[in-house]
Amino acid sequence: MKIIFIYILLVIAIGLMIFNATKLDFDALTEGDSATALITMGASACTILLLVILLVSLKIEKKVK
């Protein structure tokens, strides 16, 4: 898997988090569009975490070889 593709996915996930942060209504976080935005922000955070783990593992694999 190309590292450039992973960075592109990271940028998309960060963009989704920022977009959904603008949709949050802090008076009612668990109602309507705000709940959907909150769930999507959580999914984006998980995606970012997994992609960072993948980048670290690829760097370790490169050093081992």
C-alpha atoms as a PDB file:
ATOM      1  CA  MET A   1       0.000   0.000   0.000  1.00  0.00           C
ATOM      2  CA  LYS A   2       1.409   3.344  -0.943  1.00  0.00           C
ATOM      3  CA  ILE A   3       2.165   5.759   1.856  1.00  0.00           C
ATOM      4  CA  ILE A   4       0.770   8.649  -0.175  1.00  0.00           C
ATOM      5  CA  PHE A   5      -2.634   6.923  -0.243  1.00  0.00           C
ATOM      6  CA  ILE A   6      -2.549   6.581   3.545  1.00  0.00           C
ATOM      7  CA  TYR A   7      -1.804  10.289   3.936  1.00  0.00           C
ATOM      8  CA  ILE A   8      -4.691  11.140   1.585  1.00  0.00           C
ATOM      9  CA  LEU A   9      -7.022   9.010   3.709  1.00  0.00           C
ATOM     10  CA  LEU A  10      -5.745  10.780   6.833  1.00  0.00           C
ATOM     11  CA  VAL A  11      -6.523  14.178   5.328  1.00  0.00           C
ATOM     12  CA  ILE A  12     -10.025  13.026   4.356  1.00  0.00           C
ATOM     13  CA  ALA A  13     -10.687  11.698   7.868  1.00  0.00           C
ATOM     14  CA  ILE A  14      -9.466  14.928   9.452  1.00  0.00           C
ATOM     15  CA  GLY A  15     -11.640  16.892   7.045  1.00  0.00           C
ATOM     16  CA  LEU A  16     -14.671  14.828   8.018  1.00  0.00           C
ATOM     17  CA  MET A  17     -13.985  15.473  11.698  1.00  0.00           C
ATOM     18  CA  ILE A  18     -13.784  19.219  11.114  1.00  0.00           C
ATOM     19  CA  PHE A  19     -16.936  19.209   8.980  1.00  0.00           C
ATOM     20  CA  ASN A  20     -18.893  17.264  11.583  1.00  0.00           C
ATOM     21  CA  ALA A  21     -17.626  19.492  14.383  1.00  0.00           C
ATOM     22  CA  THR A  22     -19.442  22.361  12.685  1.00  0.00           C
ATOM     23  CA  LYS A  23     -22.685  20.342  12.778  1.00  0.00           C
ATOM     24  CA  LEU A  24     -22.644  19.837  16.559  1.00  0.00           C
ATOM     25  CA  ASP A  25     -25.318  21.519  18.660  1.00  0.00           C
ATOM     26  CA  PHE A  26     -23.913  21.691  22.178  1.00  0.00           C
ATOM     27  CA  ASP A  27     -27.339  22.263  23.709  1.00  0.00           C
ATOM     28  CA  ALA A  28     -28.553  18.851  22.474  1.00  0.00           C
ATOM     29  CA  LEU A  29     -25.610  16.593  21.635  1.00  0.00           C
ATOM     30  CA  THR A  30     -27.634  13.377  21.439  1.00  0.00           C
ATOM     31  CA  GLU A  31     -30.519  14.610  19.291  1.00  0.00           C
ATOM     32  CA  GLY A  32     -30.963  14.856  15.519  1.00  0.00           C
ATOM     33  CA  ASP A  33     -28.076  15.832  13.281  1.00  0.00           C
ATOM     34  CA  SER A  34     -25.849  16.428  16.272  1.00  0.00           C
ATOM     35  CA  ALA A  35     -25.948  12.749  17.257  1.00  0.00           C
ATOM     36  CA  THR A  36     -25.067  11.715  13.719  1.00  0.00           C
ATOM     37  CA  ALA A  37     -22.187  14.186  13.681  1.00  0.00           C
ATOM     38  CA  LEU A  38     -20.958  12.870  17.034  1.00  0.00           C
ATOM     39  CA  ILE A  39     -20.997   9.253  15.823  1.00  0.00           C
ATOM     40  CA  THR A  40     -19.247  10.192  12.592  1.00  0.00           C
ATOM     41  CA  MET A  41     -16.582  12.102  14.507  1.00  0.00           C
ATOM     42  CA  GLY A  42     -15.955   8.986  16.595  1.00  0.00           C
ATOM     43  CA  ALA A  43     -15.660   6.866  13.466  1.00  0.00           C
ATOM     44  CA  SER A  44     -13.234   9.373  11.950  1.00  0.00           C
ATOM     45  CA  ALA A  45     -11.133   9.324  15.111  1.00  0.00           C
ATOM     46  CA  CYS A  46     -10.947   5.522  14.943  1.00  0.00           C
ATOM     47  CA  THR A  47      -9.936   5.731  11.288  1.00  0.00           C
ATOM     48  CA  ILE A  48      -7.179   8.211  12.082  1.00  0.00           C
ATOM     49  CA  LEU A  49      -5.894   5.985  14.885  1.00  0.00           C
ATOM     50  CA  LEU A  50      -5.831   2.892  12.650  1.00  0.00           C
ATOM     51  CA  LEU A  51      -4.059   4.737   9.827  1.00  0.00           C
ATOM     52  CA  VAL A  52      -1.406   6.085  12.204  1.00  0.00           C
ATOM     53  CA  ILE A  53      -0.847   2.547  13.530  1.00  0.00           C
ATOM     54  CA  LEU A  54      -0.483   1.352   9.927  1.00  0.00           C
ATOM     55  CA  LEU A  55       2.073   4.078   9.181  1.00  0.00           C
ATOM     56  CA  VAL A  56       4.107   3.162  12.261  1.00  0.00           C
ATOM     57  CA  SER A  57       4.044  -0.529  11.394  1.00  0.00           C
ATOM     58  CA  LEU A  58       5.169   0.196   7.831  1.00  0.00           C
ATOM     59  CA  LYS A  59       8.084   2.275   9.163  1.00  0.00           C
ATOM     60  CA  ILE A  60       9.080  -0.526  11.539  1.00  0.00           C
ATOM     61  CA  GLU A  61       8.891  -3.066   8.728  1.00  0.00           C
ATOM     62  CA  LYS A  62      11.084  -0.843   6.566  1.00  0.00           C
ATOM     63  CA  LYS A  63      13.720  -0.600   9.306  1.00  0.00           C
ATOM     64  CA  VAL A  64      13.733  -4.341   9.910  1.00  0.00           C
ATOM     65  CA  LYS A  65      14.451  -5.113   6.261  1.00  0.00           C
END
